[in-house]
């Protein structure tokens, strides 16, 4: 069992991965749901906007400089 901070998958590494890939994946799901609903005629523009913002949030995390 690895001690805290010595293993390849520290809590900070896992948190960084979740913050990096979580919002874009959720954004894709939100946009996909909005597309499916829009086929039935119920266009929810706020869902498209929310999905796009979540995807951009994932890419914006790359702008934060490393230590």
Protein backbone atom coordinates (compact mmCIF):
# COMPACT_ATOMS: atom_id res chain seq x y z
CA UNK A 1 0.00 0.00 0.00
CA UNK A 2 1.46 3.35 -1.01
CA UNK A 3 1.74 6.10 1.55
CA UNK A 4 0.29 9.54 0.95
CA UNK A 5 2.22 11.47 -1.66
CA UNK A 6 4.55 8.70 -2.78
CA UNK A 7 2.32 6.73 -5.16
CA UNK A 8 1.76 7.60 -8.80
CA UNK A 9 -1.92 8.35 -8.10
CA UNK A 10 -1.93 10.86 -5.28
CA UNK A 11 -5.13 12.61 -4.28
CA UNK A 12 -3.95 15.80 -5.98
CA UNK A 13 -3.33 13.96 -9.26
CA UNK A 14 -6.79 12.42 -9.17
CA UNK A 15 -8.36 15.80 -8.38
CA UNK A 16 -6.53 17.41 -11.30
CA UNK A 17 -7.76 14.70 -13.67
CA UNK A 18 -11.35 15.03 -12.46
CA UNK A 19 -11.26 18.81 -12.90
CA UNK A 20 -9.59 18.50 -16.31
CA UNK A 21 -11.81 15.84 -17.88
CA UNK A 22 -15.00 15.97 -15.79
CA UNK A 23 -16.56 19.24 -17.02
CA UNK A 24 -15.99 18.51 -20.74
CA UNK A 25 -17.58 15.08 -20.41
CA UNK A 26 -20.56 16.51 -18.55
CA UNK A 27 -20.76 19.25 -21.21
CA UNK A 28 -20.95 16.65 -23.96
CA UNK A 29 -23.75 14.86 -22.14
CA UNK A 30 -25.68 18.13 -21.68
CA UNK A 31 -25.27 19.07 -25.34
CA UNK A 32 -26.25 15.55 -26.43
CA UNK A 33 -29.41 15.73 -24.33
CA UNK A 34 -30.21 19.17 -25.77
CA UNK A 35 -29.78 17.82 -29.32
CA UNK A 36 -32.11 14.92 -28.62
CA UNK A 37 -34.73 17.24 -27.11
CA UNK A 38 -34.41 19.66 -30.03
CA UNK A 39 -35.32 16.88 -32.46
CA UNK A 40 -38.73 16.76 -30.79
CA UNK A 41 -39.07 20.51 -31.22
CA UNK A 42 -38.23 21.56 -27.67
CA UNK A 43 -35.11 23.69 -28.21
CA UNK A 44 -33.48 24.71 -24.95
CA UNK A 45 -30.75 27.19 -25.80
CA UNK A 46 -29.57 27.41 -22.21
CA UNK A 47 -28.63 23.72 -22.33
CA UNK A 48 -26.45 24.28 -25.39
CA UNK A 49 -24.83 27.26 -23.66
CA UNK A 50 -24.25 25.32 -20.43
CA UNK A 51 -22.69 22.44 -22.34
CA UNK A 52 -20.39 24.78 -24.23
CA UNK A 53 -19.33 26.52 -21.00
CA UNK A 54 -18.55 23.20 -19.34
CA UNK A 55 -16.43 22.13 -22.31
CA UNK A 56 -14.59 25.46 -22.29
CA UNK A 57 -14.01 25.15 -18.53
CA UNK A 58 -12.05 21.98 -19.16
CA UNK A 59 -9.86 23.66 -21.73
CA UNK A 60 -9.40 26.75 -19.58
CA UNK A 61 -7.84 24.59 -16.88
CA UNK A 62 -4.82 24.15 -19.16
CA UNK A 63 -4.20 27.90 -18.93
CA UNK A 64 -3.30 27.67 -15.24
CA UNK A 65 0.51 27.66 -14.99
CA UNK A 66 2.30 24.80 -13.26
CA UNK A 67 4.50 25.38 -10.27
